[in-house]
Structure formats: C-alpha cells, structure tokens
C-alpha cells in the first residue's frame, strides 16, 4: 500500500499542479487531501476545479468550513476573497466533504484533530508565541479511540511525523500552497517553513511498518507571491517567495 497525502493548498493552483505532477512521477496512484483547499488571496476557483476532478479521498478543513457555514460579511481575510471566486457548484461540493474519513481501512484522516478542526495536534503555541512540539501525552490523548495504525492530520502546515508508544504513527504532510502564516490563536504566533517549496508526503506500508517520505517540490512560486502581493497580503507574498513571513 502506497499513497500520497496533500494538505493546505489554500488556493495555490501552481503549487498543486507541481505536486500532482511529482506524485505521478513517483508512480503513486492513491491520494488523500486533508483540507483547507481554497481559502487565500490566490486562485480559489482554479484550485477547486482541479481538486473536484481529482480521484482522491478528501476531508474538510476549517477554512473550507468557513466558506459554507457563514455569510461572506462574517468571513476572514483569506476566506472572503476565495468565496467571491467560487460558484454554487464549488460550495455544494464542499458541503459533501466529511470532516474525518478512513482511507482503505488502514488510515485515519482529519484536518486538525479528530474532534476539532482548529486545534493544533502535534504542535503547541506558548504564551510568548514560541511554537514547539506537543507533549507525547497530549498527542496520545487526542488519538484515543482511533484504531488505524496511521493517522494523518494537517492544519499547522508543519511537516512532521510522531510515533506513539503503541506503534501508531501520526503524520502531517506539510502545506502544498502556504509555507508561512501569522495567527492569533491561541496566542499570536508565526509559522514559517523556511523554503518556498510545495510540500506533501508519500506513505508506504511495508509489512506492518509505515514509511514516510516528505517531498519538497519547486514550482513557480514567484508568480503566486506576486498575486498575493497584488491582492493585499504582503506577509503571505513573502512566505510564498521565500518560506519566511518577513
């Protein structure tokens, strides 16, 4: 069993194109998408058109939920411009996407945590804004009741794998389309990947063990950085150009 995990595309269709091409080049057929597909000041429509025709198992991210659970005037600065680009077909499709799923009976999928789409699972934000790994006890607490040997999550845009004491593995594949962002919850903090590459992961079951390969894929990030800057998001433009907020 071998498949690819993508997440956090955030309207970056050029990064998505590059990742899908790399997945094909690696000879991988199965794909799971862990959500946050369209929101951002980039090209939500083209991204959703690509994802809706992709043969993949999808789960809903928090930013996907924001596009369908509130009126535009109550949406944030990443969701409102994306919503304006989407049509009823895009939004109706998002309404059919589950918040969690199981892939081929062996892999549990969620966007952030099994219970909540806005909570970091593998990372903790300290009051001073420092982002560090969560404790193993805290990570395992959120994994209670999941019987699959591989658990996939996203949301923080940080590529990471954590093995639990019972042998289960939790993997965040990183972000396809957004290598950095600033947030205020639960405390003000910044996430930065350090390079502008698109990220995803390949997962392979060998015997009873999961092997993880994190892939960094170069693409025309300058074009997307220019689009973010044109649309009034200079920090995202910097992240797209360099992997750093500024």
C-alpha atoms as a PDB file:
ATOM      1  CA  UNK A   1       0.000   0.000   0.000  1.00  0.00           C
ATOM      2  CA  UNK A   2       1.481   3.289  -1.148  1.00  0.00           C
ATOM      3  CA  UNK A   3      -0.232   6.650  -1.483  1.00  0.00           C
ATOM      4  CA  UNK A   4       0.289  10.415  -1.250  1.00  0.00           C
ATOM      5  CA  UNK A   5      -1.067  12.881   1.307  1.00  0.00           C
ATOM      6  CA  UNK A   6      -1.625  16.520   0.388  1.00  0.00           C
ATOM      7  CA  UNK A   7      -2.999  19.325   2.554  1.00  0.00           C
ATOM      8  CA  UNK A   8      -3.412  23.080   2.953  1.00  0.00           C
ATOM      9  CA  UNK A   9      -3.393  24.029  -0.728  1.00  0.00           C
ATOM     10  CA  UNK A  10      -5.028  27.389   0.108  1.00  0.00           C
ATOM     11  CA  UNK A  11      -5.841  28.351  -3.471  1.00  0.00           C
ATOM     12  CA  UNK A  12      -2.298  27.896  -4.773  1.00  0.00           C
ATOM     13  CA  UNK A  13      -3.040  26.105  -8.014  1.00  0.00           C
ATOM     14  CA  UNK A  14       0.535  26.294  -9.335  1.00  0.00           C
ATOM     15  CA  UNK A  15       1.854  24.508  -6.246  1.00  0.00           C
ATOM     16  CA  UNK A  16      -0.923  21.934  -6.572  1.00  0.00           C
ATOM     17  CA  UNK A  17      -0.085  21.337 -10.235  1.00  0.00           C
ATOM     18  CA  UNK A  18       3.573  20.780  -9.345  1.00  0.00           C
ATOM     19  CA  UNK A  19       2.746  18.387  -6.514  1.00  0.00           C
ATOM     20  CA  UNK A  20       0.333  16.344  -8.622  1.00  0.00           C
ATOM     21  CA  UNK A  21       2.972  16.097 -11.356  1.00  0.00           C
ATOM     22  CA  UNK A  22       5.533  14.923  -8.809  1.00  0.00           C
ATOM     23  CA  UNK A  23       3.087  12.359  -7.418  1.00  0.00           C
ATOM     24  CA  UNK A  24       2.633  10.947 -10.927  1.00  0.00           C
ATOM     25  CA  UNK A  25       6.399  10.944 -11.493  1.00  0.00           C
ATOM     26  CA  UNK A  26       6.859   8.936  -8.292  1.00  0.00           C
ATOM     27  CA  UNK A  27       4.419   6.312  -9.577  1.00  0.00           C
ATOM     28  CA  UNK A  28       1.913   6.930  -6.788  1.00  0.00           C
ATOM     29  CA  UNK A  29      -1.766   6.428  -7.557  1.00  0.00           C
ATOM     30  CA  UNK A  30      -3.790   6.905  -4.357  1.00  0.00           C
ATOM     31  CA  UNK A  31      -4.176  10.433  -2.957  1.00  0.00           C
ATOM     32  CA  UNK A  32      -5.744  11.814   0.209  1.00  0.00           C
ATOM     33  CA  UNK A  33      -6.425  15.522   0.685  1.00  0.00           C
ATOM     34  CA  UNK A  34      -6.563  16.784   4.273  1.00  0.00           C
ATOM     35  CA  UNK A  35      -8.379  20.048   3.633  1.00  0.00           C
ATOM     36  CA  UNK A  36      -8.021  23.849   3.552  1.00  0.00           C
ATOM     37  CA  UNK A  37      -8.327  23.788  -0.197  1.00  0.00           C
ATOM     38  CA  UNK A  38      -9.342  27.215  -1.468  1.00  0.00           C
ATOM     39  CA  UNK A  39      -9.140  29.995   1.120  1.00  0.00           C
ATOM     40  CA  UNK A  40      -6.453  32.573   0.490  1.00  0.00           C
ATOM     41  CA  UNK A  41      -5.856  35.590  -1.758  1.00  0.00           C
ATOM     42  CA  UNK A  42      -4.798  33.448  -4.728  1.00  0.00           C
ATOM     43  CA  UNK A  43      -6.900  31.453  -7.234  1.00  0.00           C
ATOM     44  CA  UNK A  44      -9.638  29.588  -5.383  1.00  0.00           C
ATOM     45  CA  UNK A  45     -11.701  28.775  -8.465  1.00  0.00           C
ATOM     46  CA  UNK A  46      -8.928  27.129 -10.451  1.00  0.00           C
ATOM     47  CA  UNK A  47      -7.767  25.215  -7.383  1.00  0.00           C
ATOM     48  CA  UNK A  48     -11.244  23.889  -6.613  1.00  0.00           C
ATOM     49  CA  UNK A  49     -11.786  22.899 -10.229  1.00  0.00           C
ATOM     50  CA  UNK A  50      -8.632  20.793 -10.016  1.00  0.00           C
ATOM     51  CA  UNK A  51      -9.460  19.203  -6.677  1.00  0.00           C
ATOM     52  CA  UNK A  52     -13.065  18.389  -7.552  1.00  0.00           C
ATOM     53  CA  UNK A  53     -11.937  16.335 -10.549  1.00  0.00           C
ATOM     54  CA  UNK A  54      -9.092  14.652  -8.671  1.00  0.00           C
ATOM     55  CA  UNK A  55      -9.528  10.977  -7.825  1.00  0.00           C
ATOM     56  CA  UNK A  56      -8.825  11.398  -4.120  1.00  0.00           C
ATOM     57  CA  UNK A  57     -10.289  10.984  -0.659  1.00  0.00           C
ATOM     58  CA  UNK A  58     -10.987  14.421   0.807  1.00  0.00           C
ATOM     59  CA  UNK A  59     -11.676  15.759   4.296  1.00  0.00           C
ATOM     60  CA  UNK A  60     -12.897  19.237   5.186  1.00  0.00           C
ATOM     61  CA  UNK A  61     -10.562  21.818   6.719  1.00  0.00           C
ATOM     62  CA  UNK A  62     -11.509  24.700   8.979  1.00  0.00           C
ATOM     63  CA  UNK A  63     -11.119  27.207   6.150  1.00  0.00           C
ATOM     64  CA  UNK A  64     -13.297  25.011   3.931  1.00  0.00           C
ATOM     65  CA  UNK A  65     -15.941  25.072   6.659  1.00  0.00           C
ATOM     66  CA  UNK A  66     -15.745  28.857   6.904  1.00  0.00           C
ATOM     67  CA  UNK A  67     -16.736  29.061   3.227  1.00  0.00           C
ATOM     68  CA  UNK A  68     -20.022  27.225   3.819  1.00  0.00           C
ATOM     69  CA  UNK A  69     -21.111  27.903   7.415  1.00  0.00           C
ATOM     70  CA  UNK A  70     -21.318  31.718   7.472  1.00  0.00           C
ATOM     71  CA  UNK A  71     -22.196  34.691   5.239  1.00  0.00           C
ATOM     72  CA  UNK A  72     -19.372  36.467   3.379  1.00  0.00           C
ATOM     73  CA  UNK A  73     -19.525  39.527   5.630  1.00  0.00           C
ATOM     74  CA  UNK A  74     -18.519  37.320   8.582  1.00  0.00           C
ATOM     75  CA  UNK A  75     -15.652  35.612   6.780  1.00  0.00           C
ATOM     76  CA  UNK A  76     -11.981  36.352   7.401  1.00  0.00           C
ATOM     77  CA  UNK A  77      -9.463  37.991   5.097  1.00  0.00           C
ATOM     78  CA  UNK A  78      -8.480  34.664   3.493  1.00  0.00           C
ATOM     79  CA  UNK A  79     -11.989  33.274   3.118  1.00  0.00           C
ATOM     80  CA  UNK A  80     -13.914  36.259   1.752  1.00  0.00           C
ATOM     81  CA  UNK A  81     -11.852  36.654  -1.455  1.00  0.00           C
ATOM     82  CA  UNK A  82     -11.932  32.888  -2.046  1.00  0.00           C
ATOM     83  CA  UNK A  83     -15.706  32.762  -1.568  1.00  0.00           C
ATOM     84  CA  UNK A  84     -16.128  35.543  -4.133  1.00  0.00           C
ATOM     85  CA  UNK A  85     -14.367  33.392  -6.759  1.00  0.00           C
ATOM     86  CA  UNK A  86     -16.391  30.236  -6.142  1.00  0.00           C
ATOM     87  CA  UNK A  87     -19.758  29.296  -7.598  1.00  0.00           C
ATOM     88  CA  UNK A  88     -22.640  27.297  -6.142  1.00  0.00           C
ATOM     89  CA  UNK A  89     -21.203  24.062  -7.530  1.00  0.00           C
ATOM     90  CA  UNK A  90     -17.944  24.509  -5.659  1.00  0.00           C
ATOM     91  CA  UNK A  91     -19.731  25.288  -2.399  1.00  0.00           C
ATOM     92  CA  UNK A  92     -22.206  22.438  -2.782  1.00  0.00           C
ATOM     93  CA  UNK A  93     -19.297  20.048  -3.340  1.00  0.00           C
ATOM     94  CA  UNK A  94     -17.602  21.269  -0.151  1.00  0.00           C
ATOM     95  CA  UNK A  95     -20.830  20.541   1.736  1.00  0.00           C
ATOM     96  CA  UNK A  96     -20.490  16.858   0.781  1.00  0.00           C
ATOM     97  CA  UNK A  97     -16.938  16.516   2.156  1.00  0.00           C
ATOM     98  CA  UNK A  98     -16.705  14.820   5.590  1.00  0.00           C
ATOM     99  CA  UNK A  99     -14.702  16.216   8.497  1.00  0.00           C
ATOM    100  CA  UNK A 100     -12.970  12.862   9.065  1.00  0.00           C
ATOM    101  CA  UNK A 101     -12.581   9.728   6.985  1.00  0.00           C
ATOM    102  CA  UNK A 102     -10.828   6.356   6.844  1.00  0.00           C
ATOM    103  CA  UNK A 103      -8.735   5.527   3.786  1.00  0.00           C
ATOM    104  CA  UNK A 104      -8.530   1.878   2.687  1.00  0.00           C
ATOM    105  CA  UNK A 105      -9.465   0.784   6.220  1.00  0.00           C
ATOM    106  CA  UNK A 106      -5.928   1.454   7.492  1.00  0.00           C
ATOM    107  CA  UNK A 107      -5.538   5.257   7.629  1.00  0.00           C
ATOM    108  CA  UNK A 108      -7.486   7.767   9.729  1.00  0.00           C
ATOM    109  CA  UNK A 109      -7.834  11.216   8.154  1.00  0.00           C
ATOM    110  CA  UNK A 110      -8.647  14.560   9.737  1.00  0.00           C
ATOM    111  CA  UNK A 111      -7.674  18.162   9.177  1.00  0.00           C
ATOM    112  CA  UNK A 112      -6.506  19.268  12.637  1.00  0.00           C
ATOM    113  CA  UNK A 113      -7.624  16.842  15.360  1.00  0.00           C
ATOM    114  CA  UNK A 114     -10.368  14.203  15.297  1.00  0.00           C
ATOM    115  CA  UNK A 115     -12.673  16.373  17.414  1.00  0.00           C
ATOM    116  CA  UNK A 116     -11.890  19.919  16.289  1.00  0.00           C
ATOM    117  CA  UNK A 117     -10.740  21.488  13.017  1.00  0.00           C
ATOM    118  CA  UNK A 118      -8.975  24.475  14.625  1.00  0.00           C
ATOM    119  CA  UNK A 119      -6.747  22.875  17.283  1.00  0.00           C
ATOM    120  CA  UNK A 120      -3.078  22.081  16.697  1.00  0.00           C
ATOM    121  CA  UNK A 121      -2.343  18.402  17.339  1.00  0.00           C
ATOM    122  CA  UNK A 122       1.413  17.920  17.044  1.00  0.00           C
ATOM    123  CA  UNK A 123       2.401  21.481  17.988  1.00  0.00           C
ATOM    124  CA  UNK A 124       1.687  23.746  20.969  1.00  0.00           C
ATOM    125  CA  UNK A 125       1.788  27.548  20.951  1.00  0.00           C
ATOM    126  CA  UNK A 126       3.207  29.014  24.157  1.00  0.00           C
ATOM    127  CA  UNK A 127       2.017  32.383  25.529  1.00  0.00           C
ATOM    128  CA  UNK A 128       5.191  34.065  24.237  1.00  0.00           C
ATOM    129  CA  UNK A 129       4.436  32.884  20.701  1.00  0.00           C
ATOM    130  CA  UNK A 130       7.016  30.103  20.579  1.00  0.00           C
ATOM    131  CA  UNK A 131       5.710  27.053  18.710  1.00  0.00           C
ATOM    132  CA  UNK A 132       7.052  23.730  19.960  1.00  0.00           C
ATOM    133  CA  UNK A 133       6.120  20.083  19.696  1.00  0.00           C
ATOM    134  CA  UNK A 134       3.241  18.995  21.883  1.00  0.00           C
ATOM    135  CA  UNK A 135       3.994  16.513  24.630  1.00  0.00           C
ATOM    136  CA  UNK A 136       3.599  12.863  23.743  1.00  0.00           C
ATOM    137  CA  UNK A 137       0.961  12.511  26.462  1.00  0.00           C
ATOM    138  CA  UNK A 138      -1.112  15.310  24.905  1.00  0.00           C
ATOM    139  CA  UNK A 139      -0.716  13.883  21.404  1.00  0.00           C
ATOM    140  CA  UNK A 140      -1.738  10.416  22.541  1.00  0.00           C
ATOM    141  CA  UNK A 141      -4.742  11.757  24.429  1.00  0.00           C
ATOM    142  CA  UNK A 142      -6.226  13.086  21.199  1.00  0.00           C
ATOM    143  CA  UNK A 143      -5.569   9.758  19.450  1.00  0.00           C
ATOM    144  CA  UNK A 144      -7.683   7.721  21.878  1.00  0.00           C
ATOM    145  CA  UNK A 145     -10.215   5.522  20.154  1.00  0.00           C
ATOM    146  CA  UNK A 146      -8.524   5.572  16.744  1.00  0.00           C
ATOM    147  CA  UNK A 147      -7.732   2.009  15.730  1.00  0.00           C
ATOM    148  CA  UNK A 148      -5.913   2.654  12.460  1.00  0.00           C
ATOM    149  CA  UNK A 149      -2.127   2.284  12.539  1.00  0.00           C
ATOM    150  CA  UNK A 150      -1.577   5.502  10.528  1.00  0.00           C
ATOM    151  CA  UNK A 151      -3.191   8.822  11.379  1.00  0.00           C
ATOM    152  CA  UNK A 152      -2.919  11.838   9.074  1.00  0.00           C
ATOM    153  CA  UNK A 153      -3.529  15.432  10.096  1.00  0.00           C
ATOM    154  CA  UNK A 154      -2.672  18.878   8.736  1.00  0.00           C
ATOM    155  CA  UNK A 155      -3.631  22.451   9.716  1.00  0.00           C
ATOM    156  CA  UNK A 156      -0.279  23.719  11.071  1.00  0.00           C
ATOM    157  CA  UNK A 157       1.492  23.496   7.677  1.00  0.00           C
ATOM    158  CA  UNK A 158       4.417  21.837   9.526  1.00  0.00           C
ATOM    159  CA  UNK A 159       5.661  18.550   8.038  1.00  0.00           C
ATOM    160  CA  UNK A 160       6.159  16.165  10.935  1.00  0.00           C
ATOM    161  CA  UNK A 161       5.858  12.507  11.961  1.00  0.00           C
ATOM    162  CA  UNK A 162       5.281  11.330  15.533  1.00  0.00           C
ATOM    163  CA  UNK A 163       5.290   7.701  16.626  1.00  0.00           C
ATOM    164  CA  UNK A 164       3.040   6.835  19.560  1.00  0.00           C
ATOM    165  CA  UNK A 165       4.104   4.436  22.259  1.00  0.00           C
ATOM    166  CA  UNK A 166       1.744   1.759  20.933  1.00  0.00           C
ATOM    167  CA  UNK A 167       3.361   1.941  17.476  1.00  0.00           C
ATOM    168  CA  UNK A 168       0.764   4.061  15.710  1.00  0.00           C
ATOM    169  CA  UNK A 169       2.159   6.854  13.558  1.00  0.00           C
ATOM    170  CA  UNK A 170       0.759  10.380  13.148  1.00  0.00           C
ATOM    171  CA  UNK A 171       1.915  12.348  10.108  1.00  0.00           C
ATOM    172  CA  UNK A 172       1.363  15.920   8.957  1.00  0.00           C
ATOM    173  CA  UNK A 173       2.471  16.161   5.291  1.00  0.00           C
ATOM    174  CA  UNK A 174       3.054  19.927   5.408  1.00  0.00           C
ATOM    175  CA  UNK A 175       1.404  22.518   3.198  1.00  0.00           C
ATOM    176  CA  UNK A 176       1.155  22.328  -0.572  1.00  0.00           C
ATOM    177  CA  UNK A 177       0.451  26.004  -1.045  1.00  0.00           C
ATOM    178  CA  UNK A 178       1.222  28.139   2.009  1.00  0.00           C
ATOM    179  CA  UNK A 179       4.734  27.900   3.506  1.00  0.00           C
ATOM    180  CA  UNK A 180       4.050  30.509   6.170  1.00  0.00           C
ATOM    181  CA  UNK A 181       1.319  32.386   8.009  1.00  0.00           C
ATOM    182  CA  UNK A 182       0.591  34.511  11.061  1.00  0.00           C
ATOM    183  CA  UNK A 183      -2.189  33.609  13.518  1.00  0.00           C
ATOM    184  CA  UNK A 184      -3.530  34.952  16.800  1.00  0.00           C
ATOM    185  CA  UNK A 185      -4.973  31.779  18.342  1.00  0.00           C
ATOM    186  CA  UNK A 186      -4.427  30.507  20.956  1.00  0.00           C
ATOM    187  CA  UNK A 187      -1.651  33.130  21.198  1.00  0.00           C
ATOM    188  CA  UNK A 188      -0.063  35.321  18.484  1.00  0.00           C
ATOM    189  CA  UNK A 189       2.497  33.266  16.582  1.00  0.00           C
ATOM    190  CA  UNK A 190       4.116  32.718  13.199  1.00  0.00           C
ATOM    191  CA  UNK A 191       4.612  29.514  11.216  1.00  0.00           C
ATOM    192  CA  UNK A 192       7.435  29.526   8.653  1.00  0.00           C
ATOM    193  CA  UNK A 193       8.644  26.619   6.536  1.00  0.00           C
ATOM    194  CA  UNK A 194      11.960  28.210   5.554  1.00  0.00           C
ATOM    195  CA  UNK A 195      11.710  27.450   1.824  1.00  0.00           C
ATOM    196  CA  UNK A 196       9.023  28.313  -0.742  1.00  0.00           C
ATOM    197  CA  UNK A 197       8.652  24.737  -1.993  1.00  0.00           C
ATOM    198  CA  UNK A 198       5.327  22.919  -2.173  1.00  0.00           C
ATOM    199  CA  UNK A 199       5.181  20.082   0.322  1.00  0.00           C
ATOM    200  CA  UNK A 200       3.451  16.718   0.562  1.00  0.00           C
ATOM    201  CA  UNK A 201       4.188  13.203   1.825  1.00  0.00           C
ATOM    202  CA  UNK A 202       4.294   9.695   0.418  1.00  0.00           C
ATOM    203  CA  UNK A 203       3.192   6.937   2.808  1.00  0.00           C
ATOM    204  CA  UNK A 204       4.037   3.284   2.230  1.00  0.00           C
ATOM    205  CA  UNK A 205       3.091   0.245   4.279  1.00  0.00           C
ATOM    206  CA  UNK A 206       5.944  -2.278   4.290  1.00  0.00           C
ATOM    207  CA  UNK A 207       4.993  -5.362   6.267  1.00  0.00           C
ATOM    208  CA  UNK A 208       3.475  -3.867   9.407  1.00  0.00           C
ATOM    209  CA  UNK A 209       5.522  -0.656   9.323  1.00  0.00           C
ATOM    210  CA  UNK A 210       4.691   2.682   7.749  1.00  0.00           C
ATOM    211  CA  UNK A 211       7.438   4.516   5.874  1.00  0.00           C
ATOM    212  CA  UNK A 212       7.137   8.255   5.325  1.00  0.00           C
ATOM    213  CA  UNK A 213       8.850  10.300   2.635  1.00  0.00           C
ATOM    214  CA  UNK A 214       8.440  14.068   2.843  1.00  0.00           C
ATOM    215  CA  UNK A 215       8.659  15.705  -0.573  1.00  0.00           C
ATOM    216  CA  UNK A 216       9.633  19.345  -1.265  1.00  0.00           C
ATOM    217  CA  UNK A 217       8.690  20.345  -4.812  1.00  0.00           C
ATOM    218  CA  UNK A 218       9.970  23.532  -6.522  1.00  0.00           C
ATOM    219  CA  UNK A 219       7.450  25.443  -8.636  1.00  0.00           C
ATOM    220  CA  UNK A 220       6.839  28.959  -9.970  1.00  0.00           C
ATOM    221  CA  UNK A 221       6.338  30.431  -6.505  1.00  0.00           C
ATOM    222  CA  UNK A 222       7.240  33.926  -7.712  1.00  0.00           C
ATOM    223  CA  UNK A 223       4.025  34.151  -9.718  1.00  0.00           C
ATOM    224  CA  UNK A 224       1.928  33.230  -6.688  1.00  0.00           C
ATOM    225  CA  UNK A 225       3.867  35.619  -4.456  1.00  0.00           C
ATOM    226  CA  UNK A 226       3.129  38.417  -6.918  1.00  0.00           C
ATOM    227  CA  UNK A 227      -0.568  37.503  -6.879  1.00  0.00           C
ATOM    228  CA  UNK A 228      -0.672  37.582  -3.068  1.00  0.00           C
ATOM    229  CA  UNK A 229       1.042  40.978  -3.061  1.00  0.00           C
ATOM    230  CA  UNK A 230      -1.356  42.293  -5.698  1.00  0.00           C
ATOM    231  CA  UNK A 231      -4.262  41.131  -3.541  1.00  0.00           C
ATOM    232  CA  UNK A 232      -3.052  42.947  -0.430  1.00  0.00           C
ATOM    233  CA  UNK A 233      -1.339  40.139   1.500  1.00  0.00           C
ATOM    234  CA  UNK A 234       2.356  41.144   1.791  1.00  0.00           C
ATOM    235  CA  UNK A 235       3.193  38.629   4.540  1.00  0.00           C
ATOM    236  CA  UNK A 236       1.814  35.727   2.516  1.00  0.00           C
ATOM    237  CA  UNK A 237       3.644  37.119  -0.503  1.00  0.00           C
ATOM    238  CA  UNK A 238       6.880  36.980   1.473  1.00  0.00           C
ATOM    239  CA  UNK A 239       6.174  33.414   2.628  1.00  0.00           C
ATOM    240  CA  UNK A 240       5.399  32.307  -0.916  1.00  0.00           C
ATOM    241  CA  UNK A 241       8.563  33.951  -2.227  1.00  0.00           C
ATOM    242  CA  UNK A 242      10.990  32.810   0.469  1.00  0.00           C
ATOM    243  CA  UNK A 243       9.378  30.499   3.026  1.00  0.00           C
ATOM    244  CA  UNK A 244       9.585  33.271   5.636  1.00  0.00           C
ATOM    245  CA  UNK A 245       6.954  35.794   6.710  1.00  0.00           C
ATOM    246  CA  UNK A 246       9.408  38.674   6.536  1.00  0.00           C
END
